[in-house]
Amino acid sequence: MAARYALQDFWYQGEFVEEGALRDSVTSPVAVAVPSLFGTTAPVAGGTAHMTGRRAQHLAQIPAGSQL
């Protein structure tokens, strides 16, 4: 298992994946299907336009992000 962090917000087959959300590279269907949308470096607040301090705090509490 390798940790993969979403590089941007996106929808995949009805599942919303927010930037910075953590997925398992082996067991997560979305991480297996579209590996190019994931990276191995944990997101940093202020690192991108969408990774605000508030979102970073949210992901610290809920690493998989809001799963809609």
PDB file of N, CA and C in Angstrom:
ATOM      1  N   MET A   1       0.833  -1.181   0.000  1.00  0.00           N
ATOM      2  CA  MET A   1       0.000   0.000   0.000  1.00  0.00           C
ATOM      3  C   MET A   1       0.874   1.238   0.000  1.00  0.00           C
ATOM      4  N   ALA A   2       0.525   2.157  -0.840  1.00  0.00           N
ATOM      5  CA  ALA A   2       1.202   3.452  -0.844  1.00  0.00           C
ATOM      6  C   ALA A   2       0.139   4.541  -0.728  1.00  0.00           C
ATOM      7  N   ALA A   3       0.432   5.533   0.052  1.00  0.00           N
ATOM      8  CA  ALA A   3      -0.501   6.651   0.207  1.00  0.00           C
ATOM      9  C   ALA A   3      -0.462   7.508  -1.051  1.00  0.00           C
ATOM     10  N   ARG A   4      -1.614   7.870  -1.522  1.00  0.00           N
ATOM     11  CA  ARG A   4      -1.745   8.732  -2.697  1.00  0.00           C
ATOM     12  C   ARG A   4      -2.658   9.890  -2.338  1.00  0.00           C
ATOM     13  N   TYR A   5      -2.231  11.092  -2.673  1.00  0.00           N
ATOM     14  CA  TYR A   5      -3.000  12.299  -2.401  1.00  0.00           C
ATOM     15  C   TYR A   5      -3.527  12.872  -3.712  1.00  0.00           C
ATOM     16  N   ALA A   6      -4.801  13.230  -3.726  1.00  0.00           N
ATOM     17  CA  ALA A   6      -5.397  13.800  -4.932  1.00  0.00           C
ATOM     18  C   ALA A   6      -4.731  15.133  -5.259  1.00  0.00           C
ATOM     19  N   LEU A   7      -4.398  15.324  -6.518  1.00  0.00           N
ATOM     20  CA  LEU A   7      -3.714  16.542  -6.954  1.00  0.00           C
ATOM     21  C   LEU A   7      -4.681  17.672  -7.280  1.00  0.00           C
ATOM     22  N   GLN A   8      -5.955  17.349  -7.413  1.00  0.00           N
ATOM     23  CA  GLN A   8      -6.971  18.356  -7.723  1.00  0.00           C
ATOM     24  C   GLN A   8      -8.340  17.789  -7.356  1.00  0.00           C
ATOM     25  N   ASP A   9      -9.340  18.658  -7.303  1.00  0.00           N
ATOM     26  CA  ASP A   9     -10.716  18.207  -7.100  1.00  0.00           C
ATOM     27  C   ASP A   9     -11.199  17.539  -8.382  1.00  0.00           C
ATOM     28  N   PHE A  10     -11.925  16.435  -8.255  1.00  0.00           N
ATOM     29  CA  PHE A  10     -12.523  15.809  -9.435  1.00  0.00           C
ATOM     30  C   PHE A  10     -13.602  14.822  -9.017  1.00  0.00           C
ATOM     31  N   TRP A  11     -14.432  14.475  -9.978  1.00  0.00           N
ATOM     32  CA  TRP A  11     -15.464  13.440  -9.807  1.00  0.00           C
ATOM     33  C   TRP A  11     -15.030  12.209 -10.570  1.00  0.00           C
ATOM     34  N   TYR A  12     -15.254  11.041  -9.992  1.00  0.00           N
ATOM     35  CA  TYR A  12     -14.983   9.786 -10.687  1.00  0.00           C
ATOM     36  C   TYR A  12     -16.135   8.839 -10.394  1.00  0.00           C
ATOM     37  N   GLN A  13     -16.892   8.507 -11.392  1.00  0.00           N
ATOM     38  CA  GLN A  13     -18.030   7.595 -11.297  1.00  0.00           C
ATOM     39  C   GLN A  13     -18.919   7.910 -10.093  1.00  0.00           C
ATOM     40  N   GLY A  14     -19.274   9.173  -9.964  1.00  0.00           N
ATOM     41  CA  GLY A  14     -20.184   9.605  -8.906  1.00  0.00           C
ATOM     42  C   GLY A  14     -19.524   9.867  -7.564  1.00  0.00           C
ATOM     43  N   GLU A  15     -18.231   9.655  -7.452  1.00  0.00           N
ATOM     44  CA  GLU A  15     -17.509   9.910  -6.201  1.00  0.00           C
ATOM     45  C   GLU A  15     -16.716  11.203  -6.340  1.00  0.00           C
ATOM     46  N   PHE A  16     -16.934  12.133  -5.401  1.00  0.00           N
ATOM     47  CA  PHE A  16     -16.168  13.377  -5.409  1.00  0.00           C
ATOM     48  C   PHE A  16     -14.883  13.160  -4.629  1.00  0.00           C
ATOM     49  N   VAL A  17     -13.763  13.518  -5.233  1.00  0.00           N
ATOM     50  CA  VAL A  17     -12.461  13.426  -4.579  1.00  0.00           C
ATOM     51  C   VAL A  17     -11.904  14.838  -4.515  1.00  0.00           C
ATOM     52  N   GLU A  18     -11.680  15.328  -3.295  1.00  0.00           N
ATOM     53  CA  GLU A  18     -11.177  16.687  -3.181  1.00  0.00           C
ATOM     54  C   GLU A  18      -9.651  16.704  -3.158  1.00  0.00           C
ATOM     55  N   GLU A  19      -9.097  17.808  -3.610  1.00  0.00           N
ATOM     56  CA  GLU A  19      -7.648  17.968  -3.632  1.00  0.00           C
ATOM     57  C   GLU A  19      -7.084  17.685  -2.249  1.00  0.00           C
ATOM     58  N   GLY A  20      -6.048  16.863  -2.189  1.00  0.00           N
ATOM     59  CA  GLY A  20      -5.403  16.522  -0.935  1.00  0.00           C
ATOM     60  C   GLY A  20      -5.971  15.303  -0.241  1.00  0.00           C
ATOM     61  N   ALA A  21      -7.104  14.771  -0.727  1.00  0.00           N
ATOM     62  CA  ALA A  21      -7.712  13.598  -0.104  1.00  0.00           C
ATOM     63  C   ALA A  21      -6.792  12.387  -0.260  1.00  0.00           C
ATOM     64  N   LEU A  22      -6.736  11.588   0.755  1.00  0.00           N
ATOM     65  CA  LEU A  22      -5.853  10.422   0.795  1.00  0.00           C
ATOM     66  C   LEU A  22      -6.578   9.178   0.319  1.00  0.00           C
ATOM     67  N   ARG A  23      -5.922   8.428  -0.543  1.00  0.00           N
ATOM     68  CA  ARG A  23      -6.458   7.146  -1.021  1.00  0.00           C
ATOM     69  C   ARG A  23      -5.327   6.108  -1.008  1.00  0.00           C
ATOM     70  N   ASP A  24      -5.695   4.852  -0.858  1.00  0.00           N
ATOM     71  CA  ASP A  24      -4.757   3.737  -0.902  1.00  0.00           C
ATOM     72  C   ASP A  24      -4.545   3.357  -2.365  1.00  0.00           C
ATOM     73  N   SER A  25      -3.305   3.215  -2.769  1.00  0.00           N
ATOM     74  CA  SER A  25      -3.004   2.934  -4.173  1.00  0.00           C
ATOM     75  C   SER A  25      -3.385   1.525  -4.607  1.00  0.00           C
ATOM     76  N   VAL A  26      -3.694   0.647  -3.655  1.00  0.00           N
ATOM     77  CA  VAL A  26      -4.028  -0.731  -3.986  1.00  0.00           C
ATOM     78  C   VAL A  26      -5.531  -0.989  -3.880  1.00  0.00           C
ATOM     79  N   THR A  27      -6.160  -0.500  -2.828  1.00  0.00           N
ATOM     80  CA  THR A  27      -7.559  -0.844  -2.578  1.00  0.00           C
ATOM     81  C   THR A  27      -8.566   0.203  -3.047  1.00  0.00           C
ATOM     82  N   SER A  28      -8.126   1.394  -3.385  1.00  0.00           N
ATOM     83  CA  SER A  28      -9.053   2.436  -3.831  1.00  0.00           C
ATOM     84  C   SER A  28      -9.289   2.325  -5.331  1.00  0.00           C
ATOM     85  N   PRO A  29     -10.536   2.066  -5.748  1.00  0.00           N
ATOM     86  CA  PRO A  29     -10.815   1.945  -7.173  1.00  0.00           C
ATOM     87  C   PRO A  29     -10.453   3.206  -7.962  1.00  0.00           C
ATOM     88  N   VAL A  30     -10.683   4.354  -7.383  1.00  0.00           N
ATOM     89  CA  VAL A  30     -10.387   5.601  -8.102  1.00  0.00           C
ATOM     90  C   VAL A  30      -8.879   5.806  -8.251  1.00  0.00           C
ATOM     91  N   ALA A  31      -8.099   5.477  -7.230  1.00  0.00           N
ATOM     92  CA  ALA A  31      -6.638   5.634  -7.321  1.00  0.00           C
ATOM     93  C   ALA A  31      -6.039   4.644  -8.315  1.00  0.00           C
ATOM     94  N   VAL A  32      -6.642   3.472  -8.429  1.00  0.00           N
ATOM     95  CA  VAL A  32      -6.174   2.472  -9.392  1.00  0.00           C
ATOM     96  C   VAL A  32      -6.557   2.884 -10.810  1.00  0.00           C
ATOM     97  N   ALA A  33      -7.774   3.419 -10.971  1.00  0.00           N
ATOM     98  CA  ALA A  33      -8.279   3.753 -12.308  1.00  0.00           C
ATOM     99  C   ALA A  33      -7.617   4.994 -12.908  1.00  0.00           C
ATOM    100  N   VAL A  34      -7.352   5.993 -12.101  1.00  0.00           N
ATOM    101  CA  VAL A  34      -6.767   7.244 -12.624  1.00  0.00           C
ATOM    102  C   VAL A  34      -5.564   7.674 -11.770  1.00  0.00           C
ATOM    103  N   PRO A  35      -4.490   6.896 -11.802  1.00  0.00           N
ATOM    104  CA  PRO A  35      -3.325   7.205 -10.959  1.00  0.00           C
ATOM    105  C   PRO A  35      -2.668   8.544 -11.282  1.00  0.00           C
ATOM    106  N   SER A  36      -2.895   9.054 -12.487  1.00  0.00           N
ATOM    107  CA  SER A  36      -2.277  10.335 -12.859  1.00  0.00           C
ATOM    108  C   SER A  36      -2.852  11.509 -12.071  1.00  0.00           C
ATOM    109  N   LEU A  37      -4.004  11.317 -11.420  1.00  0.00           N
ATOM    110  CA  LEU A  37      -4.610  12.386 -10.625  1.00  0.00           C
ATOM    111  C   LEU A  37      -4.191  12.332  -9.158  1.00  0.00           C
ATOM    112  N   PHE A  38      -3.215  11.466  -8.857  1.00  0.00           N
ATOM    113  CA  PHE A  38      -2.727  11.317  -7.485  1.00  0.00           C
ATOM    114  C   PHE A  38      -1.213  11.440  -7.436  1.00  0.00           C
ATOM    115  N   GLY A  39      -0.717  11.923  -6.312  1.00  0.00           N
ATOM    116  CA  GLY A  39       0.722  12.039  -6.107  1.00  0.00           C
ATOM    117  C   GLY A  39       1.092  11.477  -4.746  1.00  0.00           C
ATOM    118  N   THR A  40       2.375  11.344  -4.483  1.00  0.00           N
ATOM    119  CA  THR A  40       2.828  10.762  -3.220  1.00  0.00           C
ATOM    120  C   THR A  40       3.201  11.817  -2.183  1.00  0.00           C
ATOM    121  N   THR A  41       3.242  13.061  -2.562  1.00  0.00           N
ATOM    122  CA  THR A  41       3.611  14.127  -1.640  1.00  0.00           C
ATOM    123  C   THR A  41       2.365  14.688  -0.964  1.00  0.00           C
ATOM    124  N   ALA A  42       2.408  14.735   0.353  1.00  0.00           N
ATOM    125  CA  ALA A  42       1.274  15.279   1.102  1.00  0.00           C
ATOM    126  C   ALA A  42       1.099  16.761   0.771  1.00  0.00           C
ATOM    127  N   PRO A  43      -0.149  17.211   0.653  1.00  0.00           N
ATOM    128  CA  PRO A  43      -0.405  18.614   0.326  1.00  0.00           C
ATOM    129  C   PRO A  43      -0.009  19.541   1.473  1.00  0.00           C
ATOM    130  N   VAL A  44       0.343  20.756   1.113  1.00  0.00           N
ATOM    131  CA  VAL A  44       0.730  21.768   2.088  1.00  0.00           C
ATOM    132  C   VAL A  44      -0.193  22.966   1.909  1.00  0.00           C
ATOM    133  N   ALA A  45      -0.702  23.490   3.002  1.00  0.00           N
ATOM    134  CA  ALA A  45      -1.569  24.670   2.926  1.00  0.00           C
ATOM    135  C   ALA A  45      -0.812  25.804   2.250  1.00  0.00           C
ATOM    136  N   GLY A  46      -1.455  26.441   1.297  1.00  0.00           N
ATOM    137  CA  GLY A  46      -0.825  27.515   0.553  1.00  0.00           C
ATOM    138  C   GLY A  46      -0.009  27.033  -0.629  1.00  0.00           C
ATOM    139  N   GLY A  47       0.091  25.709  -0.782  1.00  0.00           N
ATOM    140  CA  GLY A  47       0.869  25.144  -1.877  1.00  0.00           C
ATOM    141  C   GLY A  47       0.205  25.313  -3.229  1.00  0.00           C
ATOM    142  N   THR A  48      -1.130  25.367  -3.223  1.00  0.00           N
ATOM    143  CA  THR A  48      -1.885  25.589  -4.454  1.00  0.00           C
ATOM    144  C   THR A  48      -3.006  26.568  -4.143  1.00  0.00           C
ATOM    145  N   ALA A  49      -3.665  27.010  -5.147  1.00  0.00           N
ATOM    146  CA  ALA A  49      -4.754  27.972  -4.968  1.00  0.00           C
ATOM    147  C   ALA A  49      -5.901  27.384  -4.162  1.00  0.00           C
ATOM    148  N   HIS A  50      -6.083  26.070  -4.233  1.00  0.00           N
ATOM    149  CA  HIS A  50      -7.216  25.431  -3.569  1.00  0.00           C
ATOM    150  C   HIS A  50      -6.885  24.879  -2.190  1.00  0.00           C
ATOM    151  N   MET A  51      -5.622  24.692  -1.859  1.00  0.00           N
ATOM    152  CA  MET A  51      -5.241  24.108  -0.580  1.00  0.00           C
ATOM    153  C   MET A  51      -5.067  25.218   0.462  1.00  0.00           C
ATOM    154  N   THR A  52      -6.181  25.624   1.015  1.00  0.00           N
ATOM    155  CA  THR A  52      -6.171  26.669   2.031  1.00  0.00           C
ATOM    156  C   THR A  52      -5.875  26.052   3.398  1.00  0.00           C
ATOM    157  N   GLY A  53      -5.613  26.883   4.365  1.00  0.00           N
ATOM    158  CA  GLY A  53      -5.389  26.397   5.725  1.00  0.00           C
ATOM    159  C   GLY A  53      -6.600  25.665   6.256  1.00  0.00           C
ATOM    160  N   ARG A  54      -7.779  26.163   5.915  1.00  0.00           N
ATOM    161  CA  ARG A  54      -9.023  25.533   6.362  1.00  0.00           C
ATOM    162  C   ARG A  54      -9.171  24.133   5.771  1.00  0.00           C
ATOM    163  N   ARG A  55      -8.871  23.989   4.488  1.00  0.00           N
ATOM    164  CA  ARG A  55      -8.965  22.667   3.857  1.00  0.00           C
ATOM    165  C   ARG A  55      -7.914  21.728   4.435  1.00  0.00           C
ATOM    166  N   ALA A  56      -6.731  22.226   4.701  1.00  0.00           N
ATOM    167  CA  ALA A  56      -5.673  21.397   5.288  1.00  0.00           C
ATOM    168  C   ALA A  56      -6.096  20.892   6.665  1.00  0.00           C
ATOM    169  N   GLN A  57      -6.744  21.737   7.463  1.00  0.00           N
ATOM    170  CA  GLN A  57      -7.240  21.306   8.773  1.00  0.00           C
ATOM    171  C   GLN A  57      -8.323  20.237   8.613  1.00  0.00           C
ATOM    172  N   HIS A  58      -9.204  20.447   7.657  1.00  0.00           N
ATOM    173  CA  HIS A  58     -10.268  19.474   7.383  1.00  0.00           C
ATOM    174  C   HIS A  58      -9.667  18.114   7.019  1.00  0.00           C
ATOM    175  N   LEU A  59      -8.667  18.114   6.155  1.00  0.00           N
ATOM    176  CA  LEU A  59      -8.056  16.855   5.721  1.00  0.00           C
ATOM    177  C   LEU A  59      -7.227  16.214   6.832  1.00  0.00           C
ATOM    178  N   ALA A  60      -6.730  17.013   7.766  1.00  0.00           N
ATOM    179  CA  ALA A  60      -6.011  16.450   8.910  1.00  0.00           C
ATOM    180  C   ALA A  60      -6.975  15.644   9.784  1.00  0.00           C
ATOM    181  N   GLN A  61      -8.234  16.090   9.846  1.00  0.00           N
ATOM    182  CA  GLN A  61      -9.238  15.395  10.644  1.00  0.00           C
ATOM    183  C   GLN A  61      -9.900  14.257   9.870  1.00  0.00           C
ATOM    184  N   ILE A  62     -10.091  14.458   8.572  1.00  0.00           N
ATOM    185  CA  ILE A  62     -10.758  13.465   7.709  1.00  0.00           C
ATOM    186  C   ILE A  62      -9.870  13.243   6.485  1.00  0.00           C
ATOM    187  N   PRO A  63      -8.824  12.392   6.611  1.00  0.00           N
ATOM    188  CA  PRO A  63      -7.851  12.225   5.527  1.00  0.00           C
ATOM    189  C   PRO A  63      -8.430  11.839   4.167  1.00  0.00           C
ATOM    190  N   ALA A  64      -9.532  11.098   4.148  1.00  0.00           N
ATOM    191  CA  ALA A  64     -10.125  10.700   2.866  1.00  0.00           C
ATOM    192  C   ALA A  64     -10.941  11.828   2.243  1.00  0.00           C
ATOM    193  N   GLY A  65     -11.125  12.920   2.969  1.00  0.00           N
ATOM    194  CA  GLY A  65     -11.892  14.037   2.449  1.00  0.00           C
ATOM    195  C   GLY A  65     -13.389  13.773   2.538  1.00  0.00           C
ATOM    196  N   SER A  66     -14.133  14.741   2.113  1.00  0.00           N
ATOM    197  CA  SER A  66     -15.590  14.609   2.114  1.00  0.00           C
ATOM    198  C   SER A  66     -16.000  13.694   0.985  1.00  0.00           C
ATOM    199  N   GLN A  67     -16.513  12.561   1.312  1.00  0.00           N
ATOM    200  CA  GLN A  67     -16.900  11.599   0.282  1.00  0.00           C
ATOM    201  C   GLN A  67     -18.373  11.753  -0.003  1.00  0.00           C
ATOM    202  N   LEU A  68     -18.674  12.458  -1.072  1.00  0.00           N
ATOM    203  CA  LEU A  68     -20.059  12.707  -1.465  1.00  0.00           C
ATOM    204  C   LEU A  68     -20.553  11.631  -2.390  1.00  0.00           C
TER     205      LEU A  68
END
